[in-house]
Amino acid sequence: MGLQARIKLARAERQRRRMREGRQPPSLEVLPLSGAPSIYYLSPHSERPTGGIRVIYRHVDLLNALGMSAAVLHSEGYARMTWFEHETRIETPRSIRLKRDDLLVVPEYYGPGLDSLPKGVGKIIFNQGAHHTFDRLDFEATAPGAPYRDLPDLRGILTVSEDSRRLLSLAFPDLSISMVRNVVDQKIFHAGAQERKRQIAFVPSRRFEEFEQLRHVLRSRGLGWELMPIRGLAEVEVARVLRESAIFLSLSDRDGFGLPAAEAMACGCYVVGYTGGGGDEFFDPAFSAPVSGFVELLENLIRATEQPLEVLADRGLQASAAILSRYTAEGLRGDLMEFYGQHLGS
C-alpha cells in the first residue's frame, strides 16, 4: 500500500473515532433466561436539563406503575440528576443482571456505537430525534440501512411524533416503526392566573444566527418587550418563567417533538415560531403562529407584540387546554401498555 493510501486510511479511521466518541454504550453481559423479563432504558447522562432524558425516566416510572419491571441504565460513575424530582429505579453495568428475555431500549444517541451492544437480548431503538438519526454516521464506512437494519435482535423502533414516524418509515421501510405520545406534566406546566408581562421567553439552543438578526430588528423597532432566555433551570422554574411570559418564541430546528413549545403552550403562552417538524401536530394556527422562514417569523412576532395582552392570554388559554388534553400521562400509559404488550417476552 502506498503512502497516500495509508494516509487516507488513517484519516478515515480518525474520522470514525471522532464520530463514535462519547456515543459508545457500556459493555454488558447477557445472562440466561429468567422467566421474569425486565425493560432497561439505556440513557446518557446530563447535568443540564435535557428533555429526552426526562422522557426516558417517565417511561420507566409508568412501566413500573403498570406492573412491569423497568429501570434506567446509566454508565458507571454517573451522578444522580437533580434538575427534576424522581425516585426512578437506576441500574449500572455493575449492578444490572441483563437476561436473554429482557428488552434493552436504546436511544438514537448511541447510533454510531450500536454494533458494540451485546447479542442475544431483544432491542428496541427509542428514537426521539429522527432528524438526527444519521448524525456522526460515516457514510462511506457503513452499509445501506445503517445504523439499524443489521442490528442483531432488533424488535422495532419507537418514536414520539408523527413527523418522526414518517421520516423513519421512509429511511427504514422494512422495520417496524411505532409511536407513543410525549407527556406535558400538568402539575408543573399549567396556565395559572397571574397577569402576563410584555416578555418573550425562548430557549437559546437553536438558530443562533437568526436570533441575533431578530434581536437587532426588534431593537431597531423599539418594541419594548423583554427577551427572556430559559437555560439551566429546573422544571418548576421553567414553568414559572413561562407563566409570566405573554409570548414564547420557538426556535425549534429538526426536533423530534419540540417539548419546549408544547410546555409553553401548556403554560398559556402564545407561541410564535418554527415547529421543527415534530411540532407540526400541535402548532394550531387557531392559537399559535407556526412559520416556515425567518421573515415570516419576524412578521408574526411583531404582529403578536402589537396585540393587547388580554388577546394573547386568551389564545394561550386555548393552547393550554389543547395540549393538556392530548399529551397526558394516562395517554402515554395506554401507549406503553399496547407497545410492550406486543414486544415483551416475544
C-alpha atoms as a PDB file:
ATOM      1  CA  MET A   1       0.000   0.000   0.000  1.00  0.00           C
ATOM      2  CA  GLY A   2       1.379   3.392  -0.988  1.00  0.00           C
ATOM      3  CA  LEU A   3       1.994   6.298   1.358  1.00  0.00           C
ATOM      4  CA  GLN A   4      -1.002   8.333   0.131  1.00  0.00           C
ATOM      5  CA  ALA A   5      -3.338   5.361   0.568  1.00  0.00           C
ATOM      6  CA  ARG A   6      -2.087   4.805   4.128  1.00  0.00           C
ATOM      7  CA  ILE A   7      -2.590   8.488   4.956  1.00  0.00           C
ATOM      8  CA  LYS A   8      -6.121   8.333   3.567  1.00  0.00           C
ATOM      9  CA  LEU A   9      -6.925   5.239   5.643  1.00  0.00           C
ATOM     10  CA  ALA A  10      -5.506   6.823   8.788  1.00  0.00           C
ATOM     11  CA  ARG A  11      -7.583   9.952   8.260  1.00  0.00           C
ATOM     12  CA  ALA A  12     -10.706   7.876   7.713  1.00  0.00           C
ATOM     13  CA  GLU A  13     -10.054   5.934  10.913  1.00  0.00           C
ATOM     14  CA  ARG A  14      -9.573   9.153  12.914  1.00  0.00           C
ATOM     15  CA  GLN A  15     -12.832  10.472  11.498  1.00  0.00           C
ATOM     16  CA  ARG A  16     -14.670   7.280  12.523  1.00  0.00           C
ATOM     17  CA  ARG A  17     -13.245   7.518  16.053  1.00  0.00           C
ATOM     18  CA  ARG A  18     -14.398  11.145  16.338  1.00  0.00           C
ATOM     19  CA  MET A  19     -17.880  10.170  15.164  1.00  0.00           C
ATOM     20  CA  ARG A  20     -18.124   7.393  17.756  1.00  0.00           C
ATOM     21  CA  GLU A  21     -16.600   9.420  20.593  1.00  0.00           C
ATOM     22  CA  GLY A  22     -18.982   9.678  23.520  1.00  0.00           C
ATOM     23  CA  ARG A  23     -21.611   7.558  21.728  1.00  0.00           C
ATOM     24  CA  GLN A  24     -20.444   4.149  22.939  1.00  0.00           C
ATOM     25  CA  PRO A  25     -22.900   2.174  25.067  1.00  0.00           C
ATOM     26  CA  PRO A  26     -21.465   0.448  28.137  1.00  0.00           C
ATOM     27  CA  SER A  27     -20.189  -3.110  27.961  1.00  0.00           C
ATOM     28  CA  LEU A  28     -22.927  -5.526  29.047  1.00  0.00           C
ATOM     29  CA  GLU A  29     -23.147  -9.272  29.676  1.00  0.00           C
ATOM     30  CA  VAL A  30     -26.276 -11.235  28.764  1.00  0.00           C
ATOM     31  CA  LEU A  31     -27.302 -13.943  31.258  1.00  0.00           C
ATOM     32  CA  PRO A  32     -29.631 -16.934  30.629  1.00  0.00           C
ATOM     33  CA  LEU A  33     -33.424 -16.694  30.533  1.00  0.00           C
ATOM     34  CA  SER A  34     -35.171 -15.768  33.775  1.00  0.00           C
ATOM     35  CA  GLY A  35     -38.875 -16.163  33.035  1.00  0.00           C
ATOM     36  CA  ALA A  36     -39.460 -12.695  34.528  1.00  0.00           C
ATOM     37  CA  PRO A  37     -38.396 -10.207  31.842  1.00  0.00           C
ATOM     38  CA  SER A  38     -37.424  -6.601  32.553  1.00  0.00           C
ATOM     39  CA  ILE A  39     -37.172  -3.484  30.386  1.00  0.00           C
ATOM     40  CA  TYR A  40     -33.967  -1.452  30.610  1.00  0.00           C
ATOM     41  CA  TYR A  41     -33.766   2.025  29.090  1.00  0.00           C
ATOM     42  CA  LEU A  42     -30.154   2.877  28.322  1.00  0.00           C
ATOM     43  CA  SER A  43     -29.682   6.603  28.938  1.00  0.00           C
ATOM     44  CA  PRO A  44     -26.892   9.134  28.507  1.00  0.00           C
ATOM     45  CA  HIS A  45     -26.216  11.391  31.478  1.00  0.00           C
ATOM     46  CA  SER A  46     -26.553  15.158  31.515  1.00  0.00           C
ATOM     47  CA  GLU A  47     -26.218  17.647  34.329  1.00  0.00           C
ATOM     48  CA  ARG A  48     -28.173  20.126  32.211  1.00  0.00           C
ATOM     49  CA  PRO A  49     -31.938  19.838  31.706  1.00  0.00           C
ATOM     50  CA  THR A  50     -32.472  17.578  28.708  1.00  0.00           C
ATOM     51  CA  GLY A  51     -35.980  16.738  27.552  1.00  0.00           C
ATOM     52  CA  GLY A  52     -35.074  13.379  26.036  1.00  0.00           C
ATOM     53  CA  ILE A  53     -33.651  12.065  29.300  1.00  0.00           C
ATOM     54  CA  ARG A  54     -36.719  13.266  31.201  1.00  0.00           C
ATOM     55  CA  VAL A  55     -38.887  11.299  28.762  1.00  0.00           C
ATOM     56  CA  ILE A  56     -36.848   8.133  29.387  1.00  0.00           C
ATOM     57  CA  TYR A  57     -37.335   8.453  33.146  1.00  0.00           C
ATOM     58  CA  ARG A  58     -41.073   8.988  32.679  1.00  0.00           C
ATOM     59  CA  HIS A  59     -41.372   5.823  30.582  1.00  0.00           C
ATOM     60  CA  VAL A  60     -39.641   3.780  33.255  1.00  0.00           C
ATOM     61  CA  ASP A  61     -41.804   5.203  36.034  1.00  0.00           C
ATOM     62  CA  LEU A  62     -45.020   4.486  34.124  1.00  0.00           C
ATOM     63  CA  LEU A  63     -43.936   0.956  33.193  1.00  0.00           C
ATOM     64  CA  ASN A  64     -43.260   0.143  36.839  1.00  0.00           C
ATOM     65  CA  ALA A  65     -46.637   1.619  37.772  1.00  0.00           C
ATOM     66  CA  LEU A  66     -48.185  -0.721  35.201  1.00  0.00           C
ATOM     67  CA  GLY A  67     -46.601  -3.694  36.969  1.00  0.00           C
ATOM     68  CA  MET A  68     -43.768  -4.224  34.507  1.00  0.00           C
ATOM     69  CA  SER A  69     -40.200  -4.403  35.766  1.00  0.00           C
ATOM     70  CA  ALA A  70     -38.251  -1.461  34.313  1.00  0.00           C
ATOM     71  CA  ALA A  71     -35.159   0.614  35.087  1.00  0.00           C
ATOM     72  CA  VAL A  72     -32.955   3.333  33.646  1.00  0.00           C
ATOM     73  CA  LEU A  73     -29.481   2.059  32.789  1.00  0.00           C
ATOM     74  CA  HIS A  74     -26.638   4.565  33.196  1.00  0.00           C
ATOM     75  CA  SER A  75     -22.913   4.082  32.755  1.00  0.00           C
ATOM     76  CA  GLU A  76     -20.783   3.658  35.874  1.00  0.00           C
ATOM     77  CA  GLY A  77     -19.907   6.776  37.827  1.00  0.00           C
ATOM     78  CA  TYR A  78     -22.952   8.869  36.956  1.00  0.00           C
ATOM     79  CA  ALA A  79     -24.270  11.389  39.477  1.00  0.00           C
ATOM     80  CA  ARG A  80     -27.999  11.275  40.168  1.00  0.00           C
ATOM     81  CA  MET A  81     -29.653  14.106  38.266  1.00  0.00           C
ATOM     82  CA  THR A  82     -31.214  16.842  40.357  1.00  0.00           C
ATOM     83  CA  TRP A  83     -32.914  19.074  37.790  1.00  0.00           C
ATOM     84  CA  PHE A  84     -36.184  17.177  38.153  1.00  0.00           C
ATOM     85  CA  GLU A  85     -37.685  15.221  41.022  1.00  0.00           C
ATOM     86  CA  HIS A  86     -37.683  11.454  40.686  1.00  0.00           C
ATOM     87  CA  GLU A  87     -37.426   8.182  42.555  1.00  0.00           C
ATOM     88  CA  THR A  88     -36.770   6.187  39.405  1.00  0.00           C
ATOM     89  CA  ARG A  89     -35.075   2.811  39.622  1.00  0.00           C
ATOM     90  CA  ILE A  90     -31.495   3.090  38.338  1.00  0.00           C
ATOM     91  CA  GLU A  91     -29.108   0.343  37.254  1.00  0.00           C
ATOM     92  CA  THR A  92     -25.477   0.445  36.125  1.00  0.00           C
ATOM     93  CA  PRO A  93     -23.409  -2.101  34.171  1.00  0.00           C
ATOM     94  CA  ARG A  94     -22.073  -3.370  37.504  1.00  0.00           C
ATOM     95  CA  SER A  95     -25.482  -3.837  39.152  1.00  0.00           C
ATOM     96  CA  ILE A  96     -27.620  -4.962  36.224  1.00  0.00           C
ATOM     97  CA  ARG A  97     -28.454  -8.628  35.539  1.00  0.00           C
ATOM     98  CA  LEU A  98     -29.422  -8.447  31.879  1.00  0.00           C
ATOM     99  CA  LYS A  99     -31.117 -11.675  30.713  1.00  0.00           C
ATOM    100  CA  ARG A 100     -31.954 -13.093  27.315  1.00  0.00           C
ATOM    101  CA  ASP A 101     -35.685 -12.484  27.765  1.00  0.00           C
ATOM    102  CA  ASP A 102     -35.247  -8.820  28.784  1.00  0.00           C
ATOM    103  CA  LEU A 103     -35.641  -5.832  26.470  1.00  0.00           C
ATOM    104  CA  LEU A 104     -32.869  -3.267  26.051  1.00  0.00           C
ATOM    105  CA  VAL A 105     -34.234   0.102  24.907  1.00  0.00           C
ATOM    106  CA  VAL A 106     -31.526   2.211  23.257  1.00  0.00           C
ATOM    107  CA  PRO A 107     -31.754   5.928  22.340  1.00  0.00           C
ATOM    108  CA  GLU A 108     -30.791   7.092  18.850  1.00  0.00           C
ATOM    109  CA  TYR A 109     -27.949   8.968  20.602  1.00  0.00           C
ATOM    110  CA  TYR A 110     -25.882   5.763  20.540  1.00  0.00           C
ATOM    111  CA  GLY A 111     -26.294   5.230  16.776  1.00  0.00           C
ATOM    112  CA  PRO A 112     -22.567   5.167  15.873  1.00  0.00           C
ATOM    113  CA  GLY A 113     -21.852   2.617  18.641  1.00  0.00           C
ATOM    114  CA  LEU A 114     -24.768   0.209  18.240  1.00  0.00           C
ATOM    115  CA  ASP A 115     -22.533  -2.544  16.888  1.00  0.00           C
ATOM    116  CA  SER A 116     -20.977  -2.901  20.374  1.00  0.00           C
ATOM    117  CA  LEU A 117     -24.290  -3.844  22.016  1.00  0.00           C
ATOM    118  CA  PRO A 118     -24.445  -7.444  23.241  1.00  0.00           C
ATOM    119  CA  LYS A 119     -26.113 -10.099  21.110  1.00  0.00           C
ATOM    120  CA  GLY A 120     -28.799 -12.377  22.465  1.00  0.00           C
ATOM    121  CA  VAL A 121     -31.114  -9.797  24.046  1.00  0.00           C
ATOM    122  CA  GLY A 122     -34.068  -8.105  22.353  1.00  0.00           C
ATOM    123  CA  LYS A 123     -33.548  -4.452  21.451  1.00  0.00           C
ATOM    124  CA  ILE A 124     -35.849  -1.502  20.856  1.00  0.00           C
ATOM    125  CA  ILE A 125     -34.470   1.712  19.390  1.00  0.00           C
ATOM    126  CA  PHE A 126     -36.097   4.676  21.133  1.00  0.00           C
ATOM    127  CA  ASN A 127     -35.616   7.415  18.556  1.00  0.00           C
ATOM    128  CA  GLN A 128     -36.717  10.777  19.941  1.00  0.00           C
ATOM    129  CA  GLY A 129     -34.746  12.718  17.312  1.00  0.00           C
ATOM    130  CA  ALA A 130     -35.367  11.160  13.927  1.00  0.00           C
ATOM    131  CA  HIS A 131     -33.803  14.108  12.110  1.00  0.00           C
ATOM    132  CA  HIS A 132     -30.515  13.317  13.858  1.00  0.00           C
ATOM    133  CA  THR A 133     -30.514   9.563  13.175  1.00  0.00           C
ATOM    134  CA  PHE A 134     -27.578   9.771  10.790  1.00  0.00           C
ATOM    135  CA  ASP A 135     -25.537  12.400  12.627  1.00  0.00           C
ATOM    136  CA  ARG A 136     -21.977  11.186  13.281  1.00  0.00           C
ATOM    137  CA  LEU A 137     -22.527   8.214  10.969  1.00  0.00           C
ATOM    138  CA  ASP A 138     -19.758   7.662   8.415  1.00  0.00           C
ATOM    139  CA  PHE A 139     -21.477   7.244   5.026  1.00  0.00           C
ATOM    140  CA  GLU A 140     -18.507   5.509   3.384  1.00  0.00           C
ATOM    141  CA  ALA A 141     -17.855   3.080   6.238  1.00  0.00           C
ATOM    142  CA  THR A 142     -21.437   1.919   6.824  1.00  0.00           C
ATOM    143  CA  ALA A 143     -23.829  -0.318   4.886  1.00  0.00           C
ATOM    144  CA  PRO A 144     -27.236   0.681   3.460  1.00  0.00           C
ATOM    145  CA  GLY A 145     -29.813   0.753   6.248  1.00  0.00           C
ATOM    146  CA  ALA A 146     -27.264   1.706   8.903  1.00  0.00           C
ATOM    147  CA  PRO A 147     -27.408   2.102  11.810  1.00  0.00           C
ATOM    148  CA  TYR A 148     -30.470  -0.116  12.414  1.00  0.00           C
ATOM    149  CA  ARG A 149     -31.128  -2.643   9.670  1.00  0.00           C
ATOM    150  CA  ASP A 150     -28.362  -5.119  10.553  1.00  0.00           C
ATOM    151  CA  LEU A 151     -28.590  -4.691  14.336  1.00  0.00           C
ATOM    152  CA  PRO A 152     -28.937  -8.189  15.873  1.00  0.00           C
ATOM    153  CA  ASP A 153     -32.118  -8.925  17.873  1.00  0.00           C
ATOM    154  CA  LEU A 154     -33.806  -5.661  16.859  1.00  0.00           C
ATOM    155  CA  ARG A 155     -37.545  -5.846  17.601  1.00  0.00           C
ATOM    156  CA  GLY A 156     -38.525  -2.409  16.338  1.00  0.00           C
ATOM    157  CA  ILE A 157     -38.210   1.353  16.565  1.00  0.00           C
ATOM    158  CA  LEU A 158     -40.211   3.531  18.944  1.00  0.00           C
ATOM    159  CA  THR A 159     -40.613   7.280  18.371  1.00  0.00           C
ATOM    160  CA  VAL A 160     -42.539  10.269  19.718  1.00  0.00           C
ATOM    161  CA  SER A 161     -44.184  12.187  16.869  1.00  0.00           C
ATOM    162  CA  GLU A 162     -45.934  11.631  13.573  1.00  0.00           C
ATOM    163  CA  ASP A 163     -43.191  13.602  11.793  1.00  0.00           C
ATOM    164  CA  SER A 164     -40.532  11.258  13.184  1.00  0.00           C
ATOM    165  CA  ARG A 165     -42.590   8.176  12.367  1.00  0.00           C
ATOM    166  CA  ARG A 166     -42.931   9.287   8.744  1.00  0.00           C
ATOM    167  CA  LEU A 167     -39.224  10.052   8.407  1.00  0.00           C
ATOM    168  CA  LEU A 168     -38.124   6.758   9.960  1.00  0.00           C
ATOM    169  CA  SER A 169     -40.591   4.830   7.795  1.00  0.00           C
ATOM    170  CA  LEU A 170     -39.029   6.396   4.698  1.00  0.00           C
ATOM    171  CA  ALA A 171     -35.492   5.574   5.857  1.00  0.00           C
ATOM    172  CA  PHE A 172     -36.264   2.043   7.113  1.00  0.00           C
ATOM    173  CA  PRO A 173     -39.333   0.757   5.226  1.00  0.00           C
ATOM    174  CA  ASP A 174     -38.620  -2.839   6.236  1.00  0.00           C
ATOM    175  CA  LEU A 175     -38.540  -2.176  10.004  1.00  0.00           C
ATOM    176  CA  SER A 176     -41.408  -1.885  12.482  1.00  0.00           C
ATOM    177  CA  ILE A 177     -41.954   1.753  13.486  1.00  0.00           C
ATOM    178  CA  SER A 178     -44.283   2.595  16.407  1.00  0.00           C
ATOM    179  CA  MET A 179     -45.197   5.861  18.095  1.00  0.00           C
ATOM    180  CA  VAL A 180     -46.001   6.839  21.675  1.00  0.00           C
ATOM    181  CA  ARG A 181     -47.035  10.305  22.794  1.00  0.00           C
ATOM    182  CA  ASN A 182     -44.975  12.656  24.881  1.00  0.00           C
ATOM    183  CA  VAL A 183     -46.300  13.977  28.193  1.00  0.00           C
ATOM    184  CA  VAL A 184     -46.631  17.563  29.363  1.00  0.00           C
ATOM    185  CA  ASP A 185     -46.885  17.376  33.146  1.00  0.00           C
ATOM    186  CA  GLN A 186     -49.930  19.462  34.059  1.00  0.00           C
ATOM    187  CA  LYS A 187     -48.893  19.514  37.726  1.00  0.00           C
ATOM    188  CA  ILE A 188     -45.954  21.683  36.654  1.00  0.00           C
ATOM    189  CA  PHE A 189     -46.904  23.158  33.283  1.00  0.00           C
ATOM    190  CA  HIS A 190     -50.286  24.902  33.526  1.00  0.00           C
ATOM    191  CA  ALA A 191     -51.531  28.368  32.708  1.00  0.00           C
ATOM    192  CA  GLY A 192     -52.013  29.823  36.195  1.00  0.00           C
ATOM    193  CA  ALA A 193     -53.939  33.006  36.913  1.00  0.00           C
ATOM    194  CA  GLN A 194     -51.271  35.724  37.067  1.00  0.00           C
ATOM    195  CA  GLU A 195     -51.118  38.621  34.616  1.00  0.00           C
ATOM    196  CA  ARG A 196     -48.739  38.329  31.685  1.00  0.00           C
ATOM    197  CA  LYS A 197     -45.710  40.537  31.175  1.00  0.00           C
ATOM    198  CA  ARG A 198     -44.561  42.038  27.902  1.00  0.00           C
ATOM    199  CA  GLN A 199     -41.993  39.282  27.879  1.00  0.00           C
ATOM    200  CA  ILE A 200     -40.883  36.868  25.149  1.00  0.00           C
ATOM    201  CA  ALA A 201     -39.476  33.628  26.546  1.00  0.00           C
ATOM    202  CA  PHE A 202     -37.228  31.402  24.418  1.00  0.00           C
ATOM    203  CA  VAL A 203     -34.733  28.547  24.666  1.00  0.00           C
ATOM    204  CA  PRO A 204     -31.366  29.743  23.272  1.00  0.00           C
ATOM    205  CA  SER A 205     -30.097  26.447  21.869  1.00  0.00           C
ATOM    206  CA  ARG A 206     -31.092  26.693  18.182  1.00  0.00           C
ATOM    207  CA  ARG A 207     -30.796  29.069  15.205  1.00  0.00           C
ATOM    208  CA  PHE A 208     -28.165  31.336  16.770  1.00  0.00           C
ATOM    209  CA  GLU A 209     -27.589  33.479  13.676  1.00  0.00           C
ATOM    210  CA  GLU A 210     -31.295  34.046  13.130  1.00  0.00           C
ATOM    211  CA  PHE A 211     -31.782  35.011  16.741  1.00  0.00           C
ATOM    212  CA  GLU A 212     -29.036  37.628  16.520  1.00  0.00           C
ATOM    213  CA  GLN A 213     -30.759  39.162  13.486  1.00  0.00           C
ATOM    214  CA  LEU A 214     -34.063  39.088  15.328  1.00  0.00           C
ATOM    215  CA  ARG A 215     -32.596  40.953  18.305  1.00  0.00           C
ATOM    216  CA  HIS A 216     -31.342  43.723  16.033  1.00  0.00           C
ATOM    217  CA  VAL A 217     -34.680  44.044  14.258  1.00  0.00           C
ATOM    218  CA  LEU A 218     -36.658  44.216  17.496  1.00  0.00           C
ATOM    219  CA  ARG A 219     -34.283  46.812  18.947  1.00  0.00           C
ATOM    220  CA  SER A 220     -34.446  48.849  15.754  1.00  0.00           C
ATOM    221  CA  ARG A 221     -38.240  48.945  16.014  1.00  0.00           C
ATOM    222  CA  GLY A 222     -38.129  49.875  19.703  1.00  0.00           C
ATOM    223  CA  LEU A 223     -40.819  47.375  20.663  1.00  0.00           C
ATOM    224  CA  GLY A 224     -40.076  47.481  24.379  1.00  0.00           C
ATOM    225  CA  TRP A 225     -40.591  43.747  25.017  1.00  0.00           C
ATOM    226  CA  GLU A 226     -38.091  41.846  27.156  1.00  0.00           C
ATOM    227  CA  LEU A 227     -36.409  38.760  25.717  1.00  0.00           C
ATOM    228  CA  MET A 228     -36.138  36.139  28.489  1.00  0.00           C
ATOM    229  CA  PRO A 229     -33.780  33.190  27.830  1.00  0.00           C
ATOM    230  CA  ILE A 230     -34.578  29.865  29.512  1.00  0.00           C
ATOM    231  CA  ARG A 231     -31.430  27.899  30.231  1.00  0.00           C
ATOM    232  CA  GLY A 232     -30.227  25.607  33.000  1.00  0.00           C
ATOM    233  CA  LEU A 233     -33.431  25.873  35.042  1.00  0.00           C
ATOM    234  CA  ALA A 234     -35.272  23.150  36.931  1.00  0.00           C
ATOM    235  CA  GLU A 235     -38.715  22.265  35.577  1.00  0.00           C
ATOM    236  CA  VAL A 236     -40.609  24.313  38.159  1.00  0.00           C
ATOM    237  CA  GLU A 237     -38.540  27.398  37.361  1.00  0.00           C
ATOM    238  CA  VAL A 238     -39.079  26.929  33.630  1.00  0.00           C
ATOM    239  CA  ALA A 239     -42.820  26.820  34.235  1.00  0.00           C
ATOM    240  CA  ARG A 240     -42.674  29.963  36.382  1.00  0.00           C
ATOM    241  CA  VAL A 241     -40.958  31.932  33.603  1.00  0.00           C
ATOM    242  CA  LEU A 242     -43.428  30.649  31.019  1.00  0.00           C
ATOM    243  CA  ARG A 243     -46.450  31.562  33.135  1.00  0.00           C
ATOM    244  CA  GLU A 244     -45.333  35.190  33.379  1.00  0.00           C
ATOM    245  CA  SER A 245     -44.476  35.492  29.655  1.00  0.00           C
ATOM    246  CA  ALA A 246     -47.099  36.529  27.106  1.00  0.00           C
ATOM    247  CA  ILE A 247     -45.182  35.073  24.130  1.00  0.00           C
ATOM    248  CA  PHE A 248     -42.892  32.103  23.595  1.00  0.00           C
ATOM    249  CA  LEU A 249     -40.509  32.272  20.633  1.00  0.00           C
ATOM    250  CA  SER A 250     -39.949  28.796  19.168  1.00  0.00           C
ATOM    251  CA  LEU A 251     -36.542  28.404  17.535  1.00  0.00           C
ATOM    252  CA  SER A 252     -37.073  24.674  17.064  1.00  0.00           C
ATOM    253  CA  ASP A 253     -34.920  23.052  14.376  1.00  0.00           C
ATOM    254  CA  ARG A 254     -35.027  19.361  13.357  1.00  0.00           C
ATOM    255  CA  ASP A 255     -36.667  18.379  16.644  1.00  0.00           C
ATOM    256  CA  GLY A 256     -38.335  15.044  17.222  1.00  0.00           C
ATOM    257  CA  PHE A 257     -41.217  16.591  19.131  1.00  0.00           C
ATOM    258  CA  GLY A 258     -40.471  20.053  20.488  1.00  0.00           C
ATOM    259  CA  LEU A 259     -41.254  19.854  24.210  1.00  0.00           C
ATOM    260  CA  PRO A 260     -40.318  23.493  24.974  1.00  0.00           C
ATOM    261  CA  ALA A 261     -43.037  24.826  22.662  1.00  0.00           C
ATOM    262  CA  ALA A 262     -45.603  22.324  23.973  1.00  0.00           C
ATOM    263  CA  GLU A 263     -44.765  23.207  27.590  1.00  0.00           C
ATOM    264  CA  ALA A 264     -45.003  26.907  26.747  1.00  0.00           C
ATOM    265  CA  MET A 265     -48.477  26.378  25.298  1.00  0.00           C
ATOM    266  CA  ALA A 266     -49.476  24.407  28.392  1.00  0.00           C
ATOM    267  CA  CYS A 267     -48.395  27.393  30.499  1.00  0.00           C
ATOM    268  CA  GLY A 268     -50.613  29.707  28.470  1.00  0.00           C
ATOM    269  CA  CYS A 269     -48.060  31.374  26.203  1.00  0.00           C
ATOM    270  CA  TYR A 270     -48.914  32.468  22.694  1.00  0.00           C
ATOM    271  CA  VAL A 271     -46.269  30.577  20.711  1.00  0.00           C
ATOM    272  CA  VAL A 272     -44.688  32.067  17.590  1.00  0.00           C
ATOM    273  CA  GLY A 273     -42.065  30.274  15.540  1.00  0.00           C
ATOM    274  CA  TYR A 274     -40.810  27.101  13.955  1.00  0.00           C
ATOM    275  CA  THR A 275     -42.405  23.713  14.517  1.00  0.00           C
ATOM    276  CA  GLY A 276     -39.094  21.925  13.983  1.00  0.00           C
ATOM    277  CA  GLY A 277     -41.007  19.111  12.278  1.00  0.00           C
ATOM    278  CA  GLY A 278     -42.178  17.341  15.400  1.00  0.00           C
ATOM    279  CA  GLY A 279     -44.357  20.258  16.435  1.00  0.00           C
ATOM    280  CA  ASP A 280     -46.459  20.098  13.276  1.00  0.00           C
ATOM    281  CA  GLU A 281     -49.049  18.067  15.158  1.00  0.00           C
ATOM    282  CA  PHE A 282     -49.736  20.658  17.871  1.00  0.00           C
ATOM    283  CA  PHE A 283     -48.959  24.060  16.310  1.00  0.00           C
ATOM    284  CA  ASP A 284     -52.553  25.028  15.576  1.00  0.00           C
ATOM    285  CA  PRO A 285     -52.946  28.439  13.829  1.00  0.00           C
ATOM    286  CA  ALA A 286     -56.084  28.971  15.916  1.00  0.00           C
ATOM    287  CA  PHE A 287     -53.917  29.595  18.986  1.00  0.00           C
ATOM    288  CA  SER A 288     -50.310  29.831  17.757  1.00  0.00           C
ATOM    289  CA  ALA A 289     -48.306  31.175  14.821  1.00  0.00           C
ATOM    290  CA  PRO A 290     -46.290  28.469  13.026  1.00  0.00           C
ATOM    291  CA  VAL A 291     -43.794  29.839  10.496  1.00  0.00           C
ATOM    292  CA  SER A 292     -41.589  28.410   7.750  1.00  0.00           C
ATOM    293  CA  GLY A 293     -38.965  31.133   7.348  1.00  0.00           C
ATOM    294  CA  PHE A 294     -37.178  33.967   9.088  1.00  0.00           C
ATOM    295  CA  VAL A 295     -39.059  36.896   7.545  1.00  0.00           C
ATOM    296  CA  GLU A 296     -42.347  35.172   8.366  1.00  0.00           C
ATOM    297  CA  LEU A 297     -41.069  34.678  11.909  1.00  0.00           C
ATOM    298  CA  LEU A 298     -40.353  38.401  12.274  1.00  0.00           C
ATOM    299  CA  GLU A 299     -43.699  39.400  10.795  1.00  0.00           C
ATOM    300  CA  ASN A 300     -45.670  37.126  13.087  1.00  0.00           C
ATOM    301  CA  LEU A 301     -43.680  38.041  16.179  1.00  0.00           C
ATOM    302  CA  ILE A 302     -44.087  41.773  15.549  1.00  0.00           C
ATOM    303  CA  ARG A 303     -47.795  41.278  14.858  1.00  0.00           C
ATOM    304  CA  ALA A 304     -48.158  39.396  18.140  1.00  0.00           C
ATOM    305  CA  THR A 305     -46.434  42.158  20.140  1.00  0.00           C
ATOM    306  CA  GLU A 306     -48.963  44.629  18.742  1.00  0.00           C
ATOM    307  CA  GLN A 307     -51.879  42.642  20.188  1.00  0.00           C
ATOM    308  CA  PRO A 308     -53.384  43.520  23.597  1.00  0.00           C
ATOM    309  CA  LEU A 309     -52.062  41.239  26.330  1.00  0.00           C
ATOM    310  CA  GLU A 310     -55.607  40.018  27.000  1.00  0.00           C
ATOM    311  CA  VAL A 311     -55.917  38.734  23.428  1.00  0.00           C
ATOM    312  CA  LEU A 312     -52.625  36.844  23.692  1.00  0.00           C
ATOM    313  CA  ALA A 313     -53.669  35.436  27.065  1.00  0.00           C
ATOM    314  CA  ASP A 314     -56.956  34.191  25.618  1.00  0.00           C
ATOM    315  CA  ARG A 315     -55.192  32.357  22.821  1.00  0.00           C
ATOM    316  CA  GLY A 316     -52.731  30.997  25.344  1.00  0.00           C
ATOM    317  CA  LEU A 317     -55.573  29.509  27.358  1.00  0.00           C
ATOM    318  CA  GLN A 318     -56.875  27.796  24.216  1.00  0.00           C
ATOM    319  CA  ALA A 319     -53.416  26.379  23.581  1.00  0.00           C
ATOM    320  CA  SER A 320     -53.102  25.185  27.175  1.00  0.00           C
ATOM    321  CA  ALA A 321     -56.406  23.318  27.026  1.00  0.00           C
ATOM    322  CA  ALA A 322     -55.448  21.620  23.746  1.00  0.00           C
ATOM    323  CA  ILE A 323     -52.012  20.480  24.955  1.00  0.00           C
ATOM    324  CA  LEU A 324     -53.100  19.298  28.388  1.00  0.00           C
ATOM    325  CA  SER A 325     -55.963  17.261  26.983  1.00  0.00           C
ATOM    326  CA  ARG A 326     -53.778  15.408  24.489  1.00  0.00           C
ATOM    327  CA  TYR A 327     -50.310  14.875  25.964  1.00  0.00           C
ATOM    328  CA  THR A 328     -51.252  13.172  29.214  1.00  0.00           C
ATOM    329  CA  ALA A 329     -49.634  10.531  31.411  1.00  0.00           C
ATOM    330  CA  GLU A 330     -52.802   8.457  31.078  1.00  0.00           C
ATOM    331  CA  GLY A 331     -52.492   8.518  27.301  1.00  0.00           C
ATOM    332  CA  LEU A 332     -48.829   7.533  27.397  1.00  0.00           C
ATOM    333  CA  ARG A 333     -49.624   4.760  29.864  1.00  0.00           C
ATOM    334  CA  GLY A 334     -52.005   3.274  27.328  1.00  0.00           C
ATOM    335  CA  ASP A 335     -49.475   3.663  24.509  1.00  0.00           C
ATOM    336  CA  LEU A 336     -46.769   1.897  26.522  1.00  0.00           C
ATOM    337  CA  MET A 337     -49.083  -0.914  27.585  1.00  0.00           C
ATOM    338  CA  GLU A 338     -50.034  -1.580  23.976  1.00  0.00           C
ATOM    339  CA  PHE A 339     -46.451  -1.435  22.691  1.00  0.00           C
ATOM    340  CA  TYR A 340     -44.750  -3.549  25.345  1.00  0.00           C
ATOM    341  CA  GLY A 341     -47.656  -5.941  25.474  1.00  0.00           C
ATOM    342  CA  GLN A 342     -46.696  -6.866  21.925  1.00  0.00           C
ATOM    343  CA  HIS A 343     -42.925  -6.955  22.423  1.00  0.00           C
ATOM    344  CA  LEU A 344     -42.133  -8.074  25.976  1.00  0.00           C
ATOM    345  CA  GLY A 345     -41.382 -11.778  26.091  1.00  0.00           C
ATOM    346  CA  SER A 346     -41.854 -12.207  22.333  1.00  0.00           C
END
